[in-house]
C-alpha atoms as a PDB file:
ATOM      1  CA  MET A   1      19.708  11.855  -0.572  1.00  0.00           C
ATOM      2  CA  LYS A   2      21.924  13.423   2.103  1.00  0.00           C
ATOM      3  CA  ARG A   3      20.350  11.308   4.849  1.00  0.00           C
ATOM      4  CA  LEU A   4      20.662   8.161   2.775  1.00  0.00           C
ATOM      5  CA  ILE A   5      24.353   8.751   2.125  1.00  0.00           C
ATOM      6  CA  VAL A   6      25.104   9.421   5.772  1.00  0.00           C
ATOM      7  CA  LEU A   7      23.070   6.416   6.952  1.00  0.00           C
ATOM      8  CA  SER A   8      24.658   4.092   4.423  1.00  0.00           C
ATOM      9  CA  LEU A   9      28.169   5.013   5.417  1.00  0.00           C
ATOM     10  CA  LEU A  10      27.294   4.741   9.081  1.00  0.00           C
ATOM     11  CA  THR A  11      25.908   1.236   8.737  1.00  0.00           C
ATOM     12  CA  VAL A  12      28.876   0.076   6.658  1.00  0.00           C
ATOM     13  CA  MET A  13      31.246   1.137   9.424  1.00  0.00           C
ATOM     14  CA  LEU A  14      29.120  -0.115  12.287  1.00  0.00           C
ATOM     15  CA  LEU A  15      29.426  -3.577  10.820  1.00  0.00           C
ATOM     16  CA  ALA A  16      33.059  -3.563   9.918  1.00  0.00           C
ATOM     17  CA  GLY A  17      33.649  -0.572  11.704  1.00  0.00           C
ATOM     18  CA  GLY A  18      47.536   9.778   3.916  1.00  0.00           C
ATOM     19  CA  ILE A  19      50.768   9.448   2.142  1.00  0.00           C
ATOM     20  CA  LEU A  20      51.339  12.662   0.284  1.00  0.00           C
ATOM     21  CA  ALA A  21      50.563  12.951  -3.386  1.00  0.00           C
ATOM     22  CA  PRO A  22      53.666  12.251  -5.493  1.00  0.00           C
ATOM     23  CA  ALA A  23      54.278  15.916  -6.273  1.00  0.00           C
ATOM     24  CA  GLN A  24      53.777  17.062  -2.687  1.00  0.00           C
ATOM     25  CA  ALA A  25      56.822  17.736  -0.506  1.00  0.00           C
ATOM     26  CA  GLN A  26      56.593  17.182   3.238  1.00  0.00           C
ATOM     27  CA  SER A  27      58.525  15.891   6.215  1.00  0.00           C
ATOM     28  CA  PRO A  28      59.099  12.121   6.307  1.00  0.00           C
ATOM     29  CA  ALA A  29      56.083  10.332   7.764  1.00  0.00           C
ATOM     30  CA  ASN A  30      58.228   8.887  10.544  1.00  0.00           C
ATOM     31  CA  ASP A  31      58.793  12.436  11.803  1.00  0.00           C
ATOM     32  CA  LEU A  32      55.107  13.356  11.924  1.00  0.00           C
ATOM     33  CA  LYS A  33      52.693  12.857  14.808  1.00  0.00           C
ATOM     34  CA  PRO A  34      49.607  10.651  14.456  1.00  0.00           C
ATOM     35  CA  THR A  35      46.701  12.434  12.788  1.00  0.00           C
ATOM     36  CA  PHE A  36      44.633  12.354  15.979  1.00  0.00           C
ATOM     37  CA  MET A  37      47.241  14.614  17.579  1.00  0.00           C
ATOM     38  CA  SER A  38      48.227  16.775  14.607  1.00  0.00           C
ATOM     39  CA  PRO A  39      46.281  16.582  11.304  1.00  0.00           C
ATOM     40  CA  THR A  40      48.202  16.812   8.038  1.00  0.00           C
ATOM     41  CA  PRO A  41      45.990  17.412   4.962  1.00  0.00           C
ATOM     42  CA  GLY A  42      46.363  14.586   2.481  1.00  0.00           C
ATOM     43  CA  LEU A  43      48.089  12.281   4.946  1.00  0.00           C
ATOM     44  CA  TYR A  44      46.575  10.010   7.584  1.00  0.00           C
ATOM     45  CA  ILE A  45      49.086   8.718  10.167  1.00  0.00           C
ATOM     46  CA  ASN A  46      48.017   6.002  12.587  1.00  0.00           C
ATOM     47  CA  GLY A  47      49.530   5.493  16.030  1.00  0.00           C
ATOM     48  CA  TRP A  48      49.491   1.693  16.311  1.00  0.00           C
ATOM     49  CA  PRO A  49      49.737  -0.132  14.073  1.00  0.00           C
ATOM     50  CA  ALA A  50      52.001   2.565  12.644  1.00  0.00           C
ATOM     51  CA  PHE A  51      50.958   3.216   9.036  1.00  0.00           C
ATOM     52  CA  THR A  52      50.029   5.968   6.626  1.00  0.00           C
ATOM     53  CA  VAL A  53      47.298   6.299   4.013  1.00  0.00           C
ATOM     54  CA  SER A  54      47.017   9.027   1.393  1.00  0.00           C
ATOM     55  CA  TYR A  55      43.897  10.847   0.253  1.00  0.00           C
ATOM     56  CA  PRO A  56      43.311  14.002  -1.835  1.00  0.00           C
ATOM     57  CA  LYS A  57      44.471  16.920   0.282  1.00  0.00           C
ATOM     58  CA  GLU A  58      41.380  18.936  -0.672  1.00  0.00           C
ATOM     59  CA  TRP A  59      39.073  16.327   0.906  1.00  0.00           C
ATOM     60  CA  ALA A  60      37.515  17.228   4.255  1.00  0.00           C
ATOM     61  CA  GLU A  61      38.023  15.173   7.404  1.00  0.00           C
ATOM     62  CA  LEU A  62      34.701  13.616   8.462  1.00  0.00           C
ATOM     63  CA  PRO A  63      33.271  12.268  11.736  1.00  0.00           C
ATOM     64  CA  THR A  64      34.230   8.706  12.570  1.00  0.00           C
ATOM     65  CA  PHE A  65      31.849   5.882  13.364  1.00  0.00           C
ATOM     66  CA  THR A  66      32.341   2.662  15.293  1.00  0.00           C
ATOM     67  CA  GLY A  67      35.518   0.954  14.116  1.00  0.00           C
ATOM     68  CA  ASP A  68      36.821   4.045  12.322  1.00  0.00           C
ATOM     69  CA  VAL A  69      40.073   5.720  13.129  1.00  0.00           C
ATOM     70  CA  PHE A  70      39.763   8.216  10.273  1.00  0.00           C
ATOM     71  CA  ALA A  71      37.412   9.348   7.510  1.00  0.00           C
ATOM     72  CA  ALA A  72      37.625  11.915   4.726  1.00  0.00           C
ATOM     73  CA  GLY A  73      35.526  12.721   1.696  1.00  0.00           C
ATOM     74  CA  ALA A  74      34.891  15.015  -1.235  1.00  0.00           C
ATOM     75  CA  ALA A  75      32.208  17.647  -0.681  1.00  0.00           C
ATOM     76  CA  ARG A  76      29.343  17.240  -3.175  1.00  0.00           C
ATOM     77  CA  PRO A  77      26.905  20.155  -2.832  1.00  0.00           C
ATOM     78  CA  ASP A  78      25.542  19.210  -6.266  1.00  0.00           C
ATOM     79  CA  ILE A  79      24.062  16.066  -4.667  1.00  0.00           C
ATOM     80  CA  ALA A  80      22.820  17.644  -1.441  1.00  0.00           C
ATOM     81  CA  PRO A  81      24.012  20.236   1.075  1.00  0.00           C
ATOM     82  CA  GLY A  82      26.574  18.585   3.319  1.00  0.00           C
ATOM     83  CA  ALA A  83      26.913  15.469   1.143  1.00  0.00           C
ATOM     84  CA  TYR A  84      30.319  13.825   0.724  1.00  0.00           C
ATOM     85  CA  VAL A  85      31.168  11.238  -1.947  1.00  0.00           C
ATOM     86  CA  PRO A  86      33.435   9.501  -2.554  1.00  0.00           C
ATOM     87  CA  ILE A  87      34.520   8.766   0.981  1.00  0.00           C
ATOM     88  CA  LEU A  88      37.581   7.004   2.331  1.00  0.00           C
ATOM     89  CA  ARG A  89      37.377   5.402   5.758  1.00  0.00           C
ATOM     90  CA  VAL A  90      40.145   3.745   7.737  1.00  0.00           C
ATOM     91  CA  ALA A  91      39.306   1.142  10.385  1.00  0.00           C
ATOM     92  CA  VAL A  92      41.513  -0.728  12.843  1.00  0.00           C
ATOM     93  CA  VAL A  93      39.553  -3.516  14.500  1.00  0.00           C
ATOM     94  CA  PHE A  94      40.392  -6.461  16.714  1.00  0.00           C
ATOM     95  CA  ASN A  95      39.855  -9.636  14.710  1.00  0.00           C
ATOM     96  CA  PRO A  96      41.962 -12.781  15.134  1.00  0.00           C
ATOM     97  CA  SER A  97      40.411 -14.370  12.034  1.00  0.00           C
ATOM     98  CA  PRO A  98      42.267 -14.733   8.722  1.00  0.00           C
ATOM     99  CA  LEU A  99      41.479 -12.184   6.035  1.00  0.00           C
ATOM    100  CA  GLU A 100      39.649 -14.700   3.893  1.00  0.00           C
ATOM    101  CA  ASP A 101      36.972 -14.873   6.613  1.00  0.00           C
ATOM    102  CA  TRP A 102      35.817 -11.326   5.831  1.00  0.00           C
ATOM    103  CA  ALA A 103      32.470 -12.606   4.531  1.00  0.00           C
ATOM    104  CA  LYS A 104      31.761 -14.353   7.821  1.00  0.00           C
ATOM    105  CA  TRP A 105      32.201 -11.135   9.777  1.00  0.00           C
ATOM    106  CA  ILE A 106      30.897  -8.499   7.380  1.00  0.00           C
ATOM    107  CA  MET A 107      28.882  -9.743   4.447  1.00  0.00           C
ATOM    108  CA  ALA A 108      26.829 -12.160   6.542  1.00  0.00           C
ATOM    109  CA  VAL A 109      24.928  -9.222   8.043  1.00  0.00           C
ATOM    110  CA  MET A 110      24.849  -6.925   5.034  1.00  0.00           C
ATOM    111  CA  PRO A 111      21.499  -8.316   3.793  1.00  0.00           C
ATOM    112  CA  GLU A 112      19.933  -6.662   6.842  1.00  0.00           C
ATOM    113  CA  ILE A 113      20.994  -3.269   5.477  1.00  0.00           C
ATOM    114  CA  PHE A 114      21.404  -3.688   1.719  1.00  0.00           C
ATOM    115  CA  THR A 115      19.432  -5.430  -0.957  1.00  0.00           C
ATOM    116  CA  ASP A 116      20.564  -6.502  -4.438  1.00  0.00           C
ATOM    117  CA  ILE A 117      24.034  -7.229  -3.054  1.00  0.00           C
ATOM    118  CA  LYS A 118      26.509  -8.296  -5.691  1.00  0.00           C
ATOM    119  CA  VAL A 119      30.126  -9.241  -4.953  1.00  0.00           C
ATOM    120  CA  LEU A 120      32.160  -8.072  -7.933  1.00  0.00           C
ATOM    121  CA  SER A 121      35.517  -9.399  -6.757  1.00  0.00           C
ATOM    122  CA  ASP A 122      37.014 -11.149  -3.751  1.00  0.00           C
ATOM    123  CA  LYS A 123      40.660 -12.051  -4.087  1.00  0.00           C
ATOM    124  CA  PRO A 124      44.011 -12.085  -2.312  1.00  0.00           C
ATOM    125  CA  SER A 125      46.260  -9.132  -2.951  1.00  0.00           C
ATOM    126  CA  GLN A 126      49.292  -7.415  -1.449  1.00  0.00           C
ATOM    127  CA  LEU A 127      50.521  -3.976  -0.487  1.00  0.00           C
ATOM    128  CA  LYS A 128      53.363  -2.226  -2.268  1.00  0.00           C
ATOM    129  CA  ASP A 129      55.889  -3.738   0.127  1.00  0.00           C
ATOM    130  CA  GLY A 130      54.555  -7.254  -0.389  1.00  0.00           C
ATOM    131  CA  THR A 131      52.440  -7.432   2.795  1.00  0.00           C
ATOM    132  CA  PRO A 132      49.582  -9.920   2.218  1.00  0.00           C
ATOM    133  CA  ALA A 133      46.177  -8.285   1.823  1.00  0.00           C
ATOM    134  CA  ARG A 134      42.700  -9.012   0.518  1.00  0.00           C
ATOM    135  CA  GLU A 135      40.759  -6.945  -1.989  1.00  0.00           C
ATOM    136  CA  VAL A 136      36.962  -7.039  -2.038  1.00  0.00           C
ATOM    137  CA  GLU A 137      34.605  -5.047  -4.221  1.00  0.00           C
ATOM    138  CA  TRP A 138      30.834  -5.190  -3.972  1.00  0.00           C
ATOM    139  CA  GLU A 139      27.714  -3.137  -4.504  1.00  0.00           C
ATOM    140  CA  GLY A 140      24.283  -2.953  -2.926  1.00  0.00           C
ATOM    141  CA  VAL A 141      21.145  -0.860  -2.638  1.00  0.00           C
ATOM    142  CA  LEU A 142      20.460   0.651   0.753  1.00  0.00           C
ATOM    143  CA  LYS A 143      17.214  -0.657   2.197  1.00  0.00           C
ATOM    144  CA  ASN A 144      14.255   1.553   3.023  1.00  0.00           C
ATOM    145  CA  ASP A 145      14.984   4.026   5.839  1.00  0.00           C
ATOM    146  CA  ARG A 146      11.705   3.800   7.739  1.00  0.00           C
ATOM    147  CA  ASN A 147      12.760   6.403  10.288  1.00  0.00           C
ATOM    148  CA  ALA A 148      13.015   8.950   7.509  1.00  0.00           C
ATOM    149  CA  GLY A 149       9.578   8.066   6.178  1.00  0.00           C
ATOM    150  CA  SER A 150      11.030   6.930   2.876  1.00  0.00           C
ATOM    151  CA  VAL A 151       8.904   4.606   0.758  1.00  0.00           C
ATOM    152  CA  LYS A 152      11.671   3.651  -1.648  1.00  0.00           C
ATOM    153  CA  ASN A 153      15.004   1.979  -1.317  1.00  0.00           C
ATOM    154  CA  GLY A 154      18.059   4.199  -1.491  1.00  0.00           C
ATOM    155  CA  PRO A 155      20.700   4.533  -4.184  1.00  0.00           C
ATOM    156  CA  LYS A 156      23.134   1.825  -5.192  1.00  0.00           C
ATOM    157  CA  PHE A 157      26.514   2.131  -3.486  1.00  0.00           C
ATOM    158  CA  SER A 158      29.833   0.758  -4.645  1.00  0.00           C
ATOM    159  CA  ILE A 159      32.176  -0.347  -1.871  1.00  0.00           C
ATOM    160  CA  PHE A 160      35.841  -1.258  -2.255  1.00  0.00           C
ATOM    161  CA  GLN A 161      37.679  -2.782   0.697  1.00  0.00           C
ATOM    162  CA  LEU A 162      41.386  -3.431   1.096  1.00  0.00           C
ATOM    163  CA  MET A 163      42.236  -5.431   4.221  1.00  0.00           C
ATOM    164  CA  THR A 164      45.494  -6.485   5.789  1.00  0.00           C
ATOM    165  CA  LYS A 165      46.566  -7.706   9.218  1.00  0.00           C
ATOM    166  CA  LYS A 166      48.970  -6.573  11.908  1.00  0.00           C
ATOM    167  CA  ASP A 167      49.055  -9.198  14.635  1.00  0.00           C
ATOM    168  CA  LEU A 168      45.435  -9.331  15.946  1.00  0.00           C
ATOM    169  CA  ALA A 169      44.358  -6.145  14.172  1.00  0.00           C
ATOM    170  CA  TRP A 170      42.579  -5.926  10.846  1.00  0.00           C
ATOM    171  CA  VAL A 171      43.475  -2.711   9.046  1.00  0.00           C
ATOM    172  CA  VAL A 172      40.681  -1.970   6.579  1.00  0.00           C
ATOM    173  CA  ILE A 173      40.529   0.786   3.975  1.00  0.00           C
ATOM    174  CA  TYR A 174      37.018   1.481   2.661  1.00  0.00           C
ATOM    175  CA  LEU A 175      36.179   3.455  -0.435  1.00  0.00           C
ATOM    176  CA  VAL A 176      32.474   4.220  -0.875  1.00  0.00           C
ATOM    177  CA  ASP A 177      30.857   5.951  -3.853  1.00  0.00           C
ATOM    178  CA  ILE A 178      27.593   6.122  -5.745  1.00  0.00           C
ATOM    179  CA  LYS A 179      29.368   5.085  -8.927  1.00  0.00           C
ATOM    180  CA  THR A 180      31.866   2.408  -9.854  1.00  0.00           C
ATOM    181  CA  ILE A 181      35.126   2.847  -7.981  1.00  0.00           C
ATOM    182  CA  GLY A 182      37.959   3.253 -10.455  1.00  0.00           C
ATOM    183  CA  GLU A 183      41.716   2.900 -10.267  1.00  0.00           C
ATOM    184  CA  ASP A 184      42.012   6.633  -9.556  1.00  0.00           C
ATOM    185  CA  LEU A 185      40.450   5.970  -6.145  1.00  0.00           C
ATOM    186  CA  LYS A 186      41.845   2.501  -5.506  1.00  0.00           C
ATOM    187  CA  LYS A 187      45.359   3.942  -5.547  1.00  0.00           C
ATOM    188  CA  TYR A 188      44.561   5.664  -2.240  1.00  0.00           C
ATOM    189  CA  ALA A 189      43.654   2.348  -0.629  1.00  0.00           C
ATOM    190  CA  TYR A 190      46.878   0.854  -1.934  1.00  0.00           C
ATOM    191  CA  SER A 191      48.865   3.779  -0.556  1.00  0.00           C
ATOM    192  CA  LEU A 192      48.607   2.002   2.817  1.00  0.00           C
ATOM    193  CA  THR A 193      52.195   1.789   4.079  1.00  0.00           C
ATOM    194  CA  PHE A 194      53.402   0.403   7.396  1.00  0.00           C
ATOM    195  CA  LEU A 195      56.062   2.531   9.072  1.00  0.00           C
ATOM    196  CA  GLN A 196      59.259   1.048  10.387  1.00  0.00           C
ATOM    197  CA  GLY A 197      60.746   2.003  13.736  1.00  0.00           C
ATOM    198  CA  ARG A 198      57.466   3.210  15.223  1.00  0.00           C
ATOM    199  CA  GLU A 199      56.739   0.281  17.554  1.00  0.00           C
ATOM    200  CA  GLU A 200      59.401   0.809  20.195  1.00  0.00           C
ATOM    201  CA  PRO A 201      58.004   1.440  23.710  1.00  0.00           C
ATOM    202  CA  VAL A 202      58.180   4.981  25.085  1.00  0.00           C
ATOM    203  CA  GLN A 203      58.347   6.094  28.708  1.00  0.00           C
ATOM    204  CA  VAL A 204      55.193   7.404  30.350  1.00  0.00           C
ATOM    205  CA  PRO A 205      54.751   9.173  33.717  1.00  0.00           C
ATOM    206  CA  SER A 206      54.642   6.871  36.720  1.00  0.00           C
ATOM    207  CA  ASP A 207      50.981   7.629  37.488  1.00  0.00           C
ATOM    208  CA  VAL A 208      49.989   6.798  33.895  1.00  0.00           C
ATOM    209  CA  ARG A 209      51.951   3.550  34.069  1.00  0.00           C
ATOM    210  CA  ALA A 210      50.212   2.680  37.341  1.00  0.00           C
ATOM    211  CA  PHE A 211      46.822   3.323  35.704  1.00  0.00           C
ATOM    212  CA  LEU A 212      47.633   1.090  32.734  1.00  0.00           C
ATOM    213  CA  ASP A 213      49.019  -1.698  34.920  1.00  0.00           C
ATOM    214  CA  MET A 214      45.939  -1.656  37.154  1.00  0.00           C
ATOM    215  CA  TYR A 215      43.629  -1.715  34.122  1.00  0.00           C
ATOM    216  CA  CYS A 216      45.495  -4.741  32.770  1.00  0.00           C
ATOM    217  CA  ALA A 217      45.205  -6.529  36.118  1.00  0.00           C
ATOM    218  CA  ASP A 218      41.472  -5.832  36.264  1.00  0.00           C
ATOM    219  CA  ILE A 219      40.987  -7.111  32.714  1.00  0.00           C
ATOM    220  CA  VAL A 220      42.613 -10.385  33.738  1.00  0.00           C
ATOM    221  CA  SER A 221      40.369 -10.539  36.836  1.00  0.00           C
ATOM    222  CA  HIS A 222      37.286 -10.348  34.572  1.00  0.00           C
ATOM    223  CA  ASP A 223      35.565  -8.170  37.183  1.00  0.00           C
ATOM    224  CA  VAL A 224      33.420  -5.874  35.055  1.00  0.00           C
ATOM    225  CA  LYS A 225      32.705  -3.436  37.885  1.00  0.00           C
ATOM    226  CA  THR A 226      36.395  -2.747  38.485  1.00  0.00           C
ATOM    227  CA  ILE A 227      37.111  -2.643  34.759  1.00  0.00           C
ATOM    228  CA  MET A 228      34.477   0.031  34.186  1.00  0.00           C
ATOM    229  CA  ALA A 229      35.823   2.110  37.076  1.00  0.00           C
ATOM    230  CA  HIS A 230      38.708   2.915  34.723  1.00  0.00           C
ATOM    231  CA  TYR A 231      36.319   4.624  32.282  1.00  0.00           C
ATOM    232  CA  SER A 232      35.302   8.246  32.687  1.00  0.00           C
ATOM    233  CA  ASP A 233      31.570   8.880  32.900  1.00  0.00           C
ATOM    234  CA  ARG A 234      32.244  11.273  30.008  1.00  0.00           C
ATOM    235  CA  PHE A 235      33.846   8.519  27.904  1.00  0.00           C
ATOM    236  CA  LEU A 236      32.883   8.690  24.224  1.00  0.00           C
ATOM    237  CA  TRP A 237      34.261   6.587  21.385  1.00  0.00           C
ATOM    238  CA  SER A 238      32.767   7.403  17.981  1.00  0.00           C
ATOM    239  CA  GLY A 239      29.353   7.992  19.541  1.00  0.00           C
ATOM    240  CA  LEU A 240      29.483   5.032  21.939  1.00  0.00           C
ATOM    241  CA  ARG A 241      29.382   5.796  25.648  1.00  0.00           C
ATOM    242  CA  LYS A 242      30.550   3.993  28.775  1.00  0.00           C
ATOM    243  CA  ALA A 243      27.314   2.032  29.145  1.00  0.00           C
ATOM    244  CA  TYR A 244      27.817   0.388  25.741  1.00  0.00           C
ATOM    245  CA  TYR A 245      31.238  -0.887  26.731  1.00  0.00           C
ATOM    246  CA  GLU A 246      29.971  -2.147  30.080  1.00  0.00           C
ATOM    247  CA  ASP A 247      27.240  -4.125  28.339  1.00  0.00           C
ATOM    248  CA  SER A 248      29.832  -5.460  25.899  1.00  0.00           C
ATOM    249  CA  PHE A 249      32.095  -6.674  28.671  1.00  0.00           C
ATOM    250  CA  ARG A 250      29.203  -8.283  30.522  1.00  0.00           C
ATOM    251  CA  ASN A 251      27.556  -9.963  27.552  1.00  0.00           C
ATOM    252  CA  GLY A 252      30.392 -10.533  25.132  1.00  0.00           C
ATOM    253  CA  THR A 253      28.573  -8.620  22.402  1.00  0.00           C
ATOM    254  CA  TYR A 254      31.559  -6.480  21.471  1.00  0.00           C
ATOM    255  CA  LEU A 255      34.097  -8.243  19.260  1.00  0.00           C
ATOM    256  CA  LYS A 256      37.045  -6.607  20.998  1.00  0.00           C
ATOM    257  CA  SER A 257      35.987  -7.720  24.475  1.00  0.00           C
ATOM    258  CA  PRO A 258      38.904  -9.616  26.074  1.00  0.00           C
ATOM    259  CA  LEU A 259      36.368 -11.317  28.343  1.00  0.00           C
ATOM    260  CA  GLN A 260      35.020 -13.052  25.265  1.00  0.00           C
ATOM    261  CA  TRP A 261      38.233 -14.863  24.414  1.00  0.00           C
ATOM    262  CA  GLY A 262      39.721 -15.460  27.862  1.00  0.00           C
ATOM    263  CA  VAL A 263      42.855 -13.361  28.262  1.00  0.00           C
ATOM    264  CA  ILE A 264      44.934 -14.626  31.200  1.00  0.00           C
ATOM    265  CA  SER A 265      47.688 -11.988  31.146  1.00  0.00           C
ATOM    266  CA  ARG A 266      47.949  -8.510  29.695  1.00  0.00           C
ATOM    267  CA  GLU A 267      50.640  -5.852  29.413  1.00  0.00           C
ATOM    268  CA  ALA A 268      50.221  -2.323  28.022  1.00  0.00           C
ATOM    269  CA  ILE A 269      52.962  -1.352  25.564  1.00  0.00           C
ATOM    270  CA  VAL A 270      52.841   2.392  24.850  1.00  0.00           C
ATOM    271  CA  THR A 271      54.400   3.522  21.571  1.00  0.00           C
ATOM    272  CA  VAL A 272      52.991   7.078  21.453  1.00  0.00           C
ATOM    273  CA  PHE A 273      52.367   9.394  24.401  1.00  0.00           C
ATOM    274  CA  GLU A 274      51.715  13.110  24.689  1.00  0.00           C
ATOM    275  CA  ALA A 275      50.330  14.934  27.726  1.00  0.00           C
ATOM    276  CA  ARG A 276      47.911  17.808  27.108  1.00  0.00           C
ATOM    277  CA  GLY A 277      46.794  19.434  30.346  1.00  0.00           C
ATOM    278  CA  ASP A 278      44.399  17.123  32.186  1.00  0.00           C
ATOM    279  CA  LYS A 279      44.329  14.779  29.183  1.00  0.00           C
ATOM    280  CA  ALA A 280      46.929  12.673  27.427  1.00  0.00           C
ATOM    281  CA  TYR A 281      47.106  10.852  24.096  1.00  0.00           C
ATOM    282  CA  VAL A 282      48.064   7.207  24.543  1.00  0.00           C
ATOM    283  CA  ASP A 283      48.526   4.688  21.760  1.00  0.00           C
ATOM    284  CA  GLY A 284      50.193   1.335  21.442  1.00  0.00           C
ATOM    285  CA  PHE A 285      49.162  -2.258  21.862  1.00  0.00           C
ATOM    286  CA  TRP A 286      48.148  -4.857  24.399  1.00  0.00           C
ATOM    287  CA  LEU A 287      50.468  -7.810  24.779  1.00  0.00           C
ATOM    288  CA  ASP A 288      48.045 -10.600  25.650  1.00  0.00           C
ATOM    289  CA  LYS A 289      48.113 -14.261  26.405  1.00  0.00           C
ATOM    290  CA  ALA A 290      44.891 -16.221  26.037  1.00  0.00           C
ATOM    291  CA  LYS A 291      43.851 -19.571  27.439  1.00  0.00           C
ATOM    292  CA  GLY A 292      45.521 -22.440  25.647  1.00  0.00           C
ATOM    293  CA  ASP A 293      47.960 -20.180  23.777  1.00  0.00           C
ATOM    294  CA  ALA A 294      51.572 -20.028  24.918  1.00  0.00           C
ATOM    295  CA  ASN A 295      52.397 -17.075  22.688  1.00  0.00           C
ATOM    296  CA  ALA A 296      51.721 -13.455  23.599  1.00  0.00           C
ATOM    297  CA  LEU A 297      49.889 -11.595  20.815  1.00  0.00           C
ATOM    298  CA  LYS A 298      49.462  -7.917  20.011  1.00  0.00           C
ATOM    299  CA  SER A 299      46.077  -6.225  19.758  1.00  0.00           C
ATOM    300  CA  PRO A 300      45.429  -2.488  19.251  1.00  0.00           C
ATOM    301  CA  MET A 301      45.024  -0.301  22.332  1.00  0.00           C
ATOM    302  CA  SER A 302      42.673   1.977  20.399  1.00  0.00           C
ATOM    303  CA  TYR A 303      41.484   4.226  23.226  1.00  0.00           C
ATOM    304  CA  GLN A 304      43.691   7.187  22.292  1.00  0.00           C
ATOM    305  CA  GLN A 305      42.825   9.511  25.172  1.00  0.00           C
ATOM    306  CA  ILE A 306      42.890   9.384  28.949  1.00  0.00           C
ATOM    307  CA  ILE A 307      41.770  12.105  31.333  1.00  0.00           C
ATOM    308  CA  ASN A 308      42.820  12.928  34.887  1.00  0.00           C
ATOM    309  CA  GLU A 309      39.723  13.235  37.052  1.00  0.00           C
ATOM    310  CA  HIS A 310      40.295  14.108  40.709  1.00  0.00           C
ATOM    311  CA  GLY A 311      43.795  12.661  40.599  1.00  0.00           C
ATOM    312  CA  GLU A 312      42.852   9.449  38.761  1.00  0.00           C
ATOM    313  CA  TRP A 313      43.509   8.643  35.126  1.00  0.00           C
ATOM    314  CA  LYS A 314      40.585   7.195  33.185  1.00  0.00           C
ATOM    315  CA  TRP A 315      39.782   6.280  29.593  1.00  0.00           C
ATOM    316  CA  PHE A 316      38.233   9.234  27.750  1.00  0.00           C
ATOM    317  CA  GLY A 317      37.772   7.888  24.203  1.00  0.00           C
ATOM    318  CA  ASN A 318      38.513   9.497  20.843  1.00  0.00           C
ATOM    319  CA  GLN A 319      36.553  12.713  21.340  1.00  0.00           C
ATOM    320  CA  LYS A 320      38.431  15.961  20.801  1.00  0.00           C
END
């Protein structure tokens, strides 16, 4: 059961990809650092887009998978040692499509992983502040895990998704459980709140600015060799190494790849920066122009860490 739960949650996020409880007193979210830099139990704070999501403060933070920026869950030793359900996952992914196209990007491939898929609801919604969103609820049985030698399909999972957009970023809150997801859990998805005043550019050291500017220029050049020179050989993003990103840039297999949609100019706007020895946390957005589009659009930077190797800054990923 433990392996099935872990595998199911992994596959859900591979294909995608808090505010304090009412009685809990804490500093205003605008005064707190992003969770990647300074965890606050019960409160996830994202760098860019700047938002918060609540979850039960007794839940444990969990490893992230591709597309994740955060995950937490309730320990369930009664199910299996090391099992966690329910689980909340937060994803920020590049996707220029409208929210109603979620089925095209996600559900179209789910039959490869789940059987007996049933969409329970798929409807427009909105956040507390009126921001347009989409609410989707579905269930499915995890297919046979042949690597584990299983001869039976796994348990039925219930998945609730709340999606909204910030420029070219989809912000997706996932709730996953082995039973029907009730309003007591959905309230955590709907705790998603965008923060005001957290998108202003901040100053970065001149050598960091030079690194970012050169990376942007190389992206526009579409020269994969020079692009990958900006990645550390120790780069790791939710289990994915440098070679994965190089293949993505070359073959257009990675949805975020700017080479896939023809960016002709790029600027790095840093909204969060903190140096930590030979590493630094960097967050913000890319200001891009694509072929045939006169307007510059924002997409998430999403790399989060850089490292100084022999006097050169390089992308390091989200490893800690």
